[in-house]
PDB file of all heavy atoms in Angstrom:
ATOM      1  N   ILE A   1       0.892  -1.211   0.002  1.00  0.00           N
ATOM      2  CA  ILE A   1       0.016  -0.010  -0.019  1.00  0.00           C
ATOM      3  C   ILE A   1       0.926   1.263  -0.021  1.00  0.00           C
ATOM      4  O   ILE A   1       0.589   2.257  -0.728  1.00  0.00           O
ATOM      5  CB  ILE A   1      -0.962  -0.027   1.217  1.00  0.00           C
ATOM      6  CG1 ILE A   1      -2.090  -1.050   1.018  1.00  0.00           C
ATOM      7  CG2 ILE A   1      -1.613   1.378   1.440  1.00  0.00           C
ATOM      8  CD1 ILE A   1      -3.008  -0.855  -0.113  1.00  0.00           C
ATOM      9  N   THR A   2       1.948   1.232   0.808  1.00  0.00           N
ATOM     10  CA  THR A   2       2.899   2.386   0.748  1.00  0.00           C
ATOM     11  C   THR A   2       3.400   2.573  -0.675  1.00  0.00           C
ATOM     12  O   THR A   2       3.403   3.728  -1.179  1.00  0.00           O
ATOM     13  CB  THR A   2       4.104   2.051   1.630  1.00  0.00           C
ATOM     14  OG1 THR A   2       3.655   1.775   2.983  1.00  0.00           O
ATOM     15  CG2 THR A   2       5.083   3.206   1.656  1.00  0.00           C
ATOM     16  N   HIS A   3       3.810   1.512  -1.345  1.00  0.00           N
ATOM     17  CA  HIS A   3       4.228   1.574  -2.733  1.00  0.00           C
ATOM     18  C   HIS A   3       3.122   2.149  -3.629  1.00  0.00           C
ATOM     19  O   HIS A   3       3.374   3.024  -4.463  1.00  0.00           O
ATOM     20  CB  HIS A   3       4.627   0.205  -3.261  1.00  0.00           C
ATOM     21  CG  HIS A   3       4.998   0.104  -4.688  1.00  0.00           C
ATOM     22  ND1 HIS A   3       6.281   0.358  -5.167  1.00  0.00           N
ATOM     23  CD2 HIS A   3       4.238  -0.124  -5.783  1.00  0.00           C
ATOM     24  CE1 HIS A   3       6.316   0.290  -6.455  1.00  0.00           C
ATOM     25  NE2 HIS A   3       5.087  -0.011  -6.882  1.00  0.00           N
ATOM     26  N   ALA A   4       1.930   1.658  -3.459  1.00  0.00           N
ATOM     27  CA  ALA A   4       0.802   2.150  -4.271  1.00  0.00           C
ATOM     28  C   ALA A   4       0.540   3.580  -4.110  1.00  0.00           C
ATOM     29  O   ALA A   4       0.163   4.305  -5.051  1.00  0.00           O
ATOM     30  CB  ALA A   4      -0.445   1.284  -3.960  1.00  0.00           C
ATOM     31  N   PHE A   5       0.710   4.096  -2.881  1.00  0.00           N
ATOM     32  CA  PHE A   5       0.472   5.531  -2.629  1.00  0.00           C
ATOM     33  C   PHE A   5       1.590   6.340  -3.359  1.00  0.00           C
ATOM     34  O   PHE A   5       1.334   7.378  -3.917  1.00  0.00           O
ATOM     35  CB  PHE A   5       0.556   5.827  -1.148  1.00  0.00           C
ATOM     36  CG  PHE A   5      -0.859   5.932  -0.573  1.00  0.00           C
ATOM     37  CD1 PHE A   5      -1.287   4.928   0.347  1.00  0.00           C
ATOM     38  CD2 PHE A   5      -1.750   6.901  -0.864  1.00  0.00           C
ATOM     39  CE1 PHE A   5      -2.535   4.932   0.860  1.00  0.00           C
ATOM     40  CE2 PHE A   5      -3.006   6.968  -0.314  1.00  0.00           C
ATOM     41  CZ  PHE A   5      -3.433   5.963   0.530  1.00  0.00           C
ATOM     42  N   GLY A   6       2.809   5.793  -3.451  1.00  0.00           N
ATOM     43  CA  GLY A   6       3.810   6.468  -4.182  1.00  0.00           C
ATOM     44  C   GLY A   6       3.427   6.577  -5.661  1.00  0.00           C
ATOM     45  O   GLY A   6       3.624   7.556  -6.312  1.00  0.00           O
ATOM     46  N   VAL A   7       2.892   5.460  -6.207  1.00  0.00           N
ATOM     47  CA  VAL A   7       2.414   5.425  -7.595  1.00  0.00           C
ATOM     48  C   VAL A   7       1.306   6.497  -7.792  1.00  0.00           C
ATOM     49  O   VAL A   7       1.368   7.295  -8.730  1.00  0.00           O
ATOM     50  CB  VAL A   7       1.927   4.035  -7.928  1.00  0.00           C
ATOM     51  CG1 VAL A   7       1.258   4.069  -9.323  1.00  0.00           C
ATOM     52  CG2 VAL A   7       2.999   3.026  -7.956  1.00  0.00           C
ATOM     53  N   LEU A   8       0.293   6.461  -6.945  1.00  0.00           N
ATOM     54  CA  LEU A   8      -0.855   7.285  -7.275  1.00  0.00           C
ATOM     55  C   LEU A   8      -0.640   8.743  -6.991  1.00  0.00           C
ATOM     56  O   LEU A   8      -1.176   9.583  -7.700  1.00  0.00           O
ATOM     57  CB  LEU A   8      -2.105   6.805  -6.508  1.00  0.00           C
ATOM     58  CG  LEU A   8      -2.254   7.053  -5.023  1.00  0.00           C
ATOM     59  CD1 LEU A   8      -2.942   8.352  -4.665  1.00  0.00           C
ATOM     60  CD2 LEU A   8      -2.998   5.918  -4.335  1.00  0.00           C
ATOM     61  N   LYS A   9       0.277   9.063  -6.025  1.00  0.00           N
ATOM     62  CA  LYS A   9       0.526  10.455  -5.753  1.00  0.00           C
ATOM     63  C   LYS A   9       1.450  11.064  -6.870  1.00  0.00           C
ATOM     64  O   LYS A   9       1.236  12.246  -7.254  1.00  0.00           O
ATOM     65  CB  LYS A   9       1.329  10.587  -4.385  1.00  0.00           C
ATOM     66  CG  LYS A   9       0.443  10.270  -3.197  1.00  0.00           C
ATOM     67  CD  LYS A   9      -0.743  11.172  -3.010  1.00  0.00           C
ATOM     68  CE  LYS A   9      -1.601  10.857  -1.808  1.00  0.00           C
ATOM     69  NZ  LYS A   9      -2.777  11.675  -1.683  1.00  0.00           N
ATOM     70  N   LYS A  10       2.286  10.284  -7.480  1.00  0.00           N
ATOM     71  CA  LYS A  10       3.038  10.733  -8.628  1.00  0.00           C
ATOM     72  C   LYS A  10       2.114  10.917  -9.822  1.00  0.00           C
ATOM     73  O   LYS A  10       2.206  11.887 -10.534  1.00  0.00           O
ATOM     74  CB  LYS A  10       4.160   9.766  -8.960  1.00  0.00           C
ATOM     75  CG  LYS A  10       5.043  10.201 -10.152  1.00  0.00           C
ATOM     76  CD  LYS A  10       6.155   9.235 -10.398  1.00  0.00           C
ATOM     77  CE  LYS A  10       7.056   9.733 -11.561  1.00  0.00           C
ATOM     78  NZ  LYS A  10       8.248   8.887 -11.790  1.00  0.00           N
ATOM     79  N   ALA A  11       1.196   9.930 -10.002  1.00  0.00           N
ATOM     80  CA  ALA A  11       0.289  10.043 -11.090  1.00  0.00           C
ATOM     81  C   ALA A  11      -0.663  11.266 -10.947  1.00  0.00           C
ATOM     82  O   ALA A  11      -0.925  11.961 -11.942  1.00  0.00           O
ATOM     83  CB  ALA A  11      -0.561   8.773 -11.182  1.00  0.00           C
ATOM     84  N   ALA A  12      -1.130  11.525  -9.719  1.00  0.00           N
ATOM     85  CA  ALA A  12      -1.922  12.664  -9.485  1.00  0.00           C
ATOM     86  C   ALA A  12      -1.197  13.993  -9.789  1.00  0.00           C
ATOM     87  O   ALA A  12      -1.778  14.893 -10.365  1.00  0.00           O
ATOM     88  CB  ALA A  12      -2.442  12.687  -8.044  1.00  0.00           C
ATOM     89  N   ALA A  13       0.072  14.035  -9.410  1.00  0.00           N
ATOM     90  CA  ALA A  13       0.864  15.243  -9.688  1.00  0.00           C
ATOM     91  C   ALA A  13       1.013  15.439 -11.179  1.00  0.00           C
ATOM     92  O   ALA A  13       0.946  16.589 -11.667  1.00  0.00           O
ATOM     93  CB  ALA A  13       2.216  15.140  -8.990  1.00  0.00           C
ATOM     94  N   ILE A  14       1.233  14.337 -11.876  1.00  0.00           N
ATOM     95  CA  ILE A  14       1.375  14.416 -13.387  1.00  0.00           C
ATOM     96  C   ILE A  14       0.076  14.958 -14.002  1.00  0.00           C
ATOM     97  O   ILE A  14       0.086  15.844 -14.875  1.00  0.00           O
ATOM     98  CB  ILE A  14       1.700  13.049 -13.956  1.00  0.00           C
ATOM     99  CG1 ILE A  14       3.154  12.657 -13.545  1.00  0.00           C
ATOM    100  CG2 ILE A  14       1.608  13.028 -15.453  1.00  0.00           C
ATOM    101  CD1 ILE A  14       3.534  11.210 -13.874  1.00  0.00           C
ATOM    102  N   ALA A  15      -1.080  14.382 -13.521  1.00  0.00           N
ATOM    103  CA  ALA A  15      -2.348  14.840 -14.103  1.00  0.00           C
ATOM    104  C   ALA A  15      -2.630  16.292 -13.732  1.00  0.00           C
ATOM    105  O   ALA A  15      -3.164  17.081 -14.560  1.00  0.00           O
ATOM    106  CB  ALA A  15      -3.475  13.907 -13.522  1.00  0.00           C
ATOM    107  N   ASN A  16      -2.346  16.657 -12.433  1.00  0.00           N
ATOM    108  CA  ASN A  16      -2.571  18.042 -12.084  1.00  0.00           C
ATOM    109  C   ASN A  16      -1.686  19.050 -12.811  1.00  0.00           C
ATOM    110  O   ASN A  16      -2.089  20.153 -13.200  1.00  0.00           O
ATOM    111  CB  ASN A  16      -2.314  18.132 -10.548  1.00  0.00           C
ATOM    112  CG  ASN A  16      -3.522  17.686  -9.726  1.00  0.00           C
ATOM    113  OD1 ASN A  16      -4.676  17.881 -10.126  1.00  0.00           O
ATOM    114  ND2 ASN A  16      -3.205  16.988  -8.613  1.00  0.00           N
ATOM    115  N   ASN A  17      -0.453  18.595 -13.087  1.00  0.00           N
ATOM    116  CA  ASN A  17       0.450  19.444 -13.859  1.00  0.00           C
ATOM    117  C   ASN A  17      -0.058  19.700 -15.228  1.00  0.00           C
ATOM    118  O   ASN A  17       0.082  20.829 -15.800  1.00  0.00           O
ATOM    119  CB  ASN A  17       1.837  18.757 -13.921  1.00  0.00           C
ATOM    120  CG  ASN A  17       2.815  19.528 -14.822  1.00  0.00           C
ATOM    121  OD1 ASN A  17       3.150  19.140 -15.903  1.00  0.00           O
ATOM    122  ND2 ASN A  17       3.322  20.652 -14.262  1.00  0.00           N
ATOM    123  N   LYS A  18      -0.709  18.739 -15.790  1.00  0.00           N
ATOM    124  CA  LYS A  18      -1.368  18.852 -17.171  1.00  0.00           C
ATOM    125  C   LYS A  18      -2.556  19.721 -17.124  1.00  0.00           C
ATOM    126  O   LYS A  18      -2.813  20.545 -18.006  1.00  0.00           O
ATOM    127  CB  LYS A  18      -1.612  17.473 -17.734  1.00  0.00           C
ATOM    128  CG  LYS A  18      -2.134  17.507 -19.147  1.00  0.00           C
ATOM    129  CD  LYS A  18      -2.301  16.100 -19.706  1.00  0.00           C
ATOM    130  CE  LYS A  18      -2.738  16.134 -21.117  1.00  0.00           C
ATOM    131  NZ  LYS A  18      -2.788  14.788 -21.755  1.00  0.00           N
ATOM    132  N   LEU A  19      -3.404  19.522 -16.065  1.00  0.00           N
ATOM    133  CA  LEU A  19      -4.745  20.185 -16.050  1.00  0.00           C
ATOM    134  C   LEU A  19      -4.747  21.504 -15.237  1.00  0.00           C
ATOM    135  O   LEU A  19      -5.555  22.358 -15.516  1.00  0.00           O
ATOM    136  CB  LEU A  19      -5.782  19.205 -15.401  1.00  0.00           C
ATOM    137  CG  LEU A  19      -5.984  17.887 -16.224  1.00  0.00           C
ATOM    138  CD1 LEU A  19      -6.857  16.961 -15.405  1.00  0.00           C
ATOM    139  CD2 LEU A  19      -6.591  18.173 -17.534  1.00  0.00           C
ATOM    140  N   LYS A  20      -3.834  21.631 -14.263  1.00  0.00           N
ATOM    141  CA  LYS A  20      -3.775  22.827 -13.415  1.00  0.00           C
ATOM    142  C   LYS A  20      -2.323  23.246 -13.252  1.00  0.00           C
ATOM    143  O   LYS A  20      -1.815  23.247 -12.137  1.00  0.00           O
ATOM    144  CB  LYS A  20      -4.472  22.549 -12.093  1.00  0.00           C
ATOM    145  CG  LYS A  20      -5.856  22.125 -12.204  1.00  0.00           C
ATOM    146  CD  LYS A  20      -6.704  22.097 -10.949  1.00  0.00           C
ATOM    147  CE  LYS A  20      -6.050  21.854  -9.659  1.00  0.00           C
ATOM    148  NZ  LYS A  20      -7.055  21.746  -8.530  1.00  0.00           N
ATOM    149  N   PRO A  21      -1.637  23.596 -14.348  1.00  0.00           N
ATOM    150  CA  PRO A  21      -0.218  23.845 -14.281  1.00  0.00           C
ATOM    151  C   PRO A  21       0.118  25.086 -13.433  1.00  0.00           C
ATOM    152  O   PRO A  21       1.244  25.217 -12.938  1.00  0.00           O
ATOM    153  CB  PRO A  21       0.168  24.062 -15.725  1.00  0.00           C
ATOM    154  CG  PRO A  21      -1.078  24.427 -16.417  1.00  0.00           C
ATOM    155  CD  PRO A  21      -2.174  23.691 -15.692  1.00  0.00           C
ATOM    156  N   GLU A  22      -0.868  25.986 -13.290  1.00  0.00           N
ATOM    157  CA  GLU A  22      -0.568  27.130 -12.440  1.00  0.00           C
ATOM    158  C   GLU A  22      -0.467  26.773 -10.925  1.00  0.00           C
ATOM    159  O   GLU A  22       0.102  27.484 -10.141  1.00  0.00           O
ATOM    160  CB  GLU A  22      -1.696  28.178 -12.611  1.00  0.00           C
ATOM    161  CG  GLU A  22      -3.071  27.874 -11.991  1.00  0.00           C
ATOM    162  CD  GLU A  22      -3.884  26.794 -12.694  1.00  0.00           C
ATOM    163  OE1 GLU A  22      -3.409  26.291 -13.771  1.00  0.00           O
ATOM    164  OE2 GLU A  22      -4.959  26.497 -12.241  1.00  0.00           O
ATOM    165  N   LYS A  23      -1.076  25.651 -10.560  1.00  0.00           N
ATOM    166  CA  LYS A  23      -1.041  25.172  -9.191  1.00  0.00           C
ATOM    167  C   LYS A  23       0.019  24.078  -9.010  1.00  0.00           C
ATOM    168  O   LYS A  23       0.794  24.131  -8.033  1.00  0.00           O
ATOM    169  CB  LYS A  23      -2.383  24.690  -8.719  1.00  0.00           C
ATOM    170  CG  LYS A  23      -3.395  25.798  -8.529  1.00  0.00           C
ATOM    171  CD  LYS A  23      -4.680  25.253  -7.917  1.00  0.00           C
ATOM    172  CE  LYS A  23      -5.695  26.355  -7.589  1.00  0.00           C
ATOM    173  NZ  LYS A  23      -5.182  27.251  -6.517  1.00  0.00           N
ATOM    174  N   MET A  24       0.034  23.111  -9.932  1.00  0.00           N
ATOM    175  CA  MET A  24       1.096  22.091  -9.878  1.00  0.00           C
ATOM    176  C   MET A  24       2.104  22.448 -10.901  1.00  0.00           C
ATOM    177  O   MET A  24       2.064  21.973 -12.058  1.00  0.00           O
ATOM    178  CB  MET A  24       0.449  20.672 -10.136  1.00  0.00           C
ATOM    179  CG  MET A  24       1.500  19.521 -10.133  1.00  0.00           C
ATOM    180  SD  MET A  24       2.527  19.429  -8.595  1.00  0.00           S
ATOM    181  CE  MET A  24       1.300  18.979  -7.408  1.00  0.00           C
ATOM    182  N   THR A  25       3.067  23.272 -10.529  1.00  0.00           N
ATOM    183  CA  THR A  25       4.020  23.811 -11.467  1.00  0.00           C
ATOM    184  C   THR A  25       5.068  22.661 -11.820  1.00  0.00           C
ATOM    185  O   THR A  25       5.166  21.644 -11.141  1.00  0.00           O
ATOM    186  CB  THR A  25       4.799  24.962 -10.855  1.00  0.00           C
ATOM    187  OG1 THR A  25       5.513  24.472  -9.661  1.00  0.00           O
ATOM    188  CG2 THR A  25       3.839  26.062 -10.473  1.00  0.00           C
ATOM    189  N   ASP A  26       5.831  22.986 -12.802  1.00  0.00           N
ATOM    190  CA  ASP A  26       6.891  22.005 -13.188  1.00  0.00           C
ATOM    191  C   ASP A  26       7.843  21.770 -12.103  1.00  0.00           C
ATOM    192  O   ASP A  26       8.359  20.640 -11.867  1.00  0.00           O
ATOM    193  CB  ASP A  26       7.656  22.462 -14.470  1.00  0.00           C
ATOM    194  CG  ASP A  26       6.778  22.445 -15.722  1.00  0.00           C
ATOM    195  OD1 ASP A  26       5.712  21.762 -15.705  1.00  0.00           O
ATOM    196  OD2 ASP A  26       7.148  23.050 -16.707  1.00  0.00           O
ATOM    197  N   GLU A  27       8.140  22.815 -11.387  1.00  0.00           N
ATOM    198  CA  GLU A  27       9.106  22.718 -10.218  1.00  0.00           C
ATOM    199  C   GLU A  27       8.494  21.824  -9.132  1.00  0.00           C
ATOM    200  O   GLU A  27       9.201  20.941  -8.621  1.00  0.00           O
ATOM    201  CB  GLU A  27       9.373  24.091  -9.652  1.00  0.00           C
ATOM    202  CG  GLU A  27      10.395  24.090  -8.523  1.00  0.00           C
ATOM    203  CD  GLU A  27      10.568  25.448  -7.877  1.00  0.00           C
ATOM    204  OE1 GLU A  27       9.790  26.368  -8.157  1.00  0.00           O
ATOM    205  OE2 GLU A  27      11.548  25.622  -7.087  1.00  0.00           O
ATOM    206  N   LYS A  28       7.260  21.987  -8.834  1.00  0.00           N
ATOM    207  CA  LYS A  28       6.604  21.166  -7.838  1.00  0.00           C
ATOM    208  C   LYS A  28       6.526  19.679  -8.311  1.00  0.00           C
ATOM    209  O   LYS A  28       6.765  18.759  -7.581  1.00  0.00           O
ATOM    210  CB  LYS A  28       5.163  21.661  -7.559  1.00  0.00           C
ATOM    211  CG  LYS A  28       5.131  22.903  -6.738  1.00  0.00           C
ATOM    212  CD  LYS A  28       3.681  23.326  -6.458  1.00  0.00           C
ATOM    213  CE  LYS A  28       3.589  24.557  -5.574  1.00  0.00           C
ATOM    214  NZ  LYS A  28       2.171  25.014  -5.279  1.00  0.00           N
ATOM    215  N   LEU A  29       6.183  19.525  -9.579  1.00  0.00           N
ATOM    216  CA  LEU A  29       6.103  18.160 -10.136  1.00  0.00           C
ATOM    217  C   LEU A  29       7.371  17.437 -10.017  1.00  0.00           C
ATOM    218  O   LEU A  29       7.444  16.224  -9.621  1.00  0.00           O
ATOM    219  CB  LEU A  29       5.655  18.183 -11.589  1.00  0.00           C
ATOM    220  CG  LEU A  29       5.602  16.851 -12.322  1.00  0.00           C
ATOM    221  CD1 LEU A  29       4.615  15.873 -11.666  1.00  0.00           C
ATOM    222  CD2 LEU A  29       5.209  17.036 -13.827  1.00  0.00           C
ATOM    223  N   ALA A  30       8.475  18.118 -10.273  1.00  0.00           N
ATOM    224  CA  ALA A  30       9.789  17.457 -10.227  1.00  0.00           C
ATOM    225  C   ALA A  30      10.114  17.004  -8.785  1.00  0.00           C
ATOM    226  O   ALA A  30      10.599  15.878  -8.642  1.00  0.00           O
ATOM    227  CB  ALA A  30      10.858  18.450 -10.700  1.00  0.00           C
ATOM    228  N   ALA A  31       9.828  17.831  -7.830  1.00  0.00           N
ATOM    229  CA  ALA A  31      10.066  17.448  -6.428  1.00  0.00           C
ATOM    230  C   ALA A  31       9.154  16.291  -5.972  1.00  0.00           C
ATOM    231  O   ALA A  31       9.598  15.402  -5.309  1.00  0.00           O
ATOM    232  CB  ALA A  31       9.924  18.666  -5.537  1.00  0.00           C
ATOM    233  N   VAL A  32       7.858  16.411  -6.359  1.00  0.00           N
ATOM    234  CA  VAL A  32       6.909  15.378  -5.931  1.00  0.00           C
ATOM    235  C   VAL A  32       7.294  14.058  -6.593  1.00  0.00           C
ATOM    236  O   VAL A  32       7.306  12.987  -5.964  1.00  0.00           O
ATOM    237  CB  VAL A  32       5.496  15.744  -6.390  1.00  0.00           C
ATOM    238  CG1 VAL A  32       4.556  14.577  -6.197  1.00  0.00           C
ATOM    239  CG2 VAL A  32       5.006  16.936  -5.579  1.00  0.00           C
ATOM    240  N   SER A  33       7.646  14.094  -7.858  1.00  0.00           N
ATOM    241  CA  SER A  33       8.003  12.884  -8.626  1.00  0.00           C
ATOM    242  C   SER A  33       9.208  12.177  -7.992  1.00  0.00           C
ATOM    243  O   SER A  33       9.235  10.954  -7.820  1.00  0.00           O
ATOM    244  CB  SER A  33       8.269  13.168 -10.089  1.00  0.00           C
ATOM    245  OG  SER A  33       7.098  13.614 -10.711  1.00  0.00           O
ATOM    246  N   LYS A  34      10.262  12.943  -7.648  1.00  0.00           N
ATOM    247  CA  LYS A  34      11.448  12.349  -7.051  1.00  0.00           C
ATOM    248  C   LYS A  34      11.104  11.691  -5.667  1.00  0.00           C
ATOM    249  O   LYS A  34      11.508  10.616  -5.375  1.00  0.00           O
ATOM    250  CB  LYS A  34      12.510  13.405  -6.855  1.00  0.00           C
ATOM    251  CG  LYS A  34      13.773  12.908  -6.249  1.00  0.00           C
ATOM    252  CD  LYS A  34      14.534  11.968  -7.105  1.00  0.00           C
ATOM    253  CE  LYS A  34      15.963  11.700  -6.643  1.00  0.00           C
ATOM    254  NZ  LYS A  34      15.972  11.002  -5.323  1.00  0.00           N
ATOM    255  N   ALA A  35      10.329  12.428  -4.883  1.00  0.00           N
ATOM    256  CA  ALA A  35       9.933  11.894  -3.590  1.00  0.00           C
ATOM    257  C   ALA A  35       9.094  10.646  -3.786  1.00  0.00           C
ATOM    258  O   ALA A  35       9.261   9.601  -3.028  1.00  0.00           O
ATOM    259  CB  ALA A  35       9.160  12.929  -2.787  1.00  0.00           C
ATOM    260  N   CYS A  36       8.161  10.633  -4.670  1.00  0.00           N
ATOM    261  CA  CYS A  36       7.314   9.412  -4.938  1.00  0.00           C
ATOM    262  C   CYS A  36       8.173   8.259  -5.465  1.00  0.00           C
ATOM    263  O   CYS A  36       7.886   7.109  -5.105  1.00  0.00           O
ATOM    264  CB  CYS A  36       6.240   9.774  -5.973  1.00  0.00           C
ATOM    265  SG  CYS A  36       4.898  10.809  -5.312  1.00  0.00           S
ATOM    266  N   ASP A  37       9.185   8.553  -6.291  1.00  0.00           N
ATOM    267  CA  ASP A  37      10.039   7.491  -6.721  1.00  0.00           C
ATOM    268  C   ASP A  37      10.723   6.808  -5.552  1.00  0.00           C
ATOM    269  O   ASP A  37      10.912   5.530  -5.501  1.00  0.00           O
ATOM    270  CB  ASP A  37      11.075   8.007  -7.676  1.00  0.00           C
ATOM    271  CG  ASP A  37      10.551   8.396  -9.093  1.00  0.00           C
ATOM    272  OD1 ASP A  37       9.372   7.934  -9.390  1.00  0.00           O
ATOM    273  OD2 ASP A  37      11.216   9.178  -9.816  1.00  0.00           O
ATOM    274  N   GLU A  38      11.119   7.559  -4.583  1.00  0.00           N
ATOM    275  CA  GLU A  38      11.750   7.052  -3.391  1.00  0.00           C
ATOM    276  C   GLU A  38      10.749   6.168  -2.568  1.00  0.00           C
ATOM    277  O   GLU A  38      11.133   5.132  -2.047  1.00  0.00           O
ATOM    278  CB  GLU A  38      12.397   8.137  -2.536  1.00  0.00           C
ATOM    279  CG  GLU A  38      13.538   8.847  -3.213  1.00  0.00           C
ATOM    280  CD  GLU A  38      14.116   9.982  -2.365  1.00  0.00           C
ATOM    281  OE1 GLU A  38      13.597  10.181  -1.265  1.00  0.00           O
ATOM    282  OE2 GLU A  38      15.053  10.669  -2.857  1.00  0.00           O
TER     283      GLU A  38
END
């Protein structure tokens, strides 16, 4: 489940970056993605 949360939180950030880039900026996405990978 911990692993699955890493997957879905990264996926959510990717989707938000595409649909709400003013809120989920590229800078935020990069940080979220790296943390989720870990």
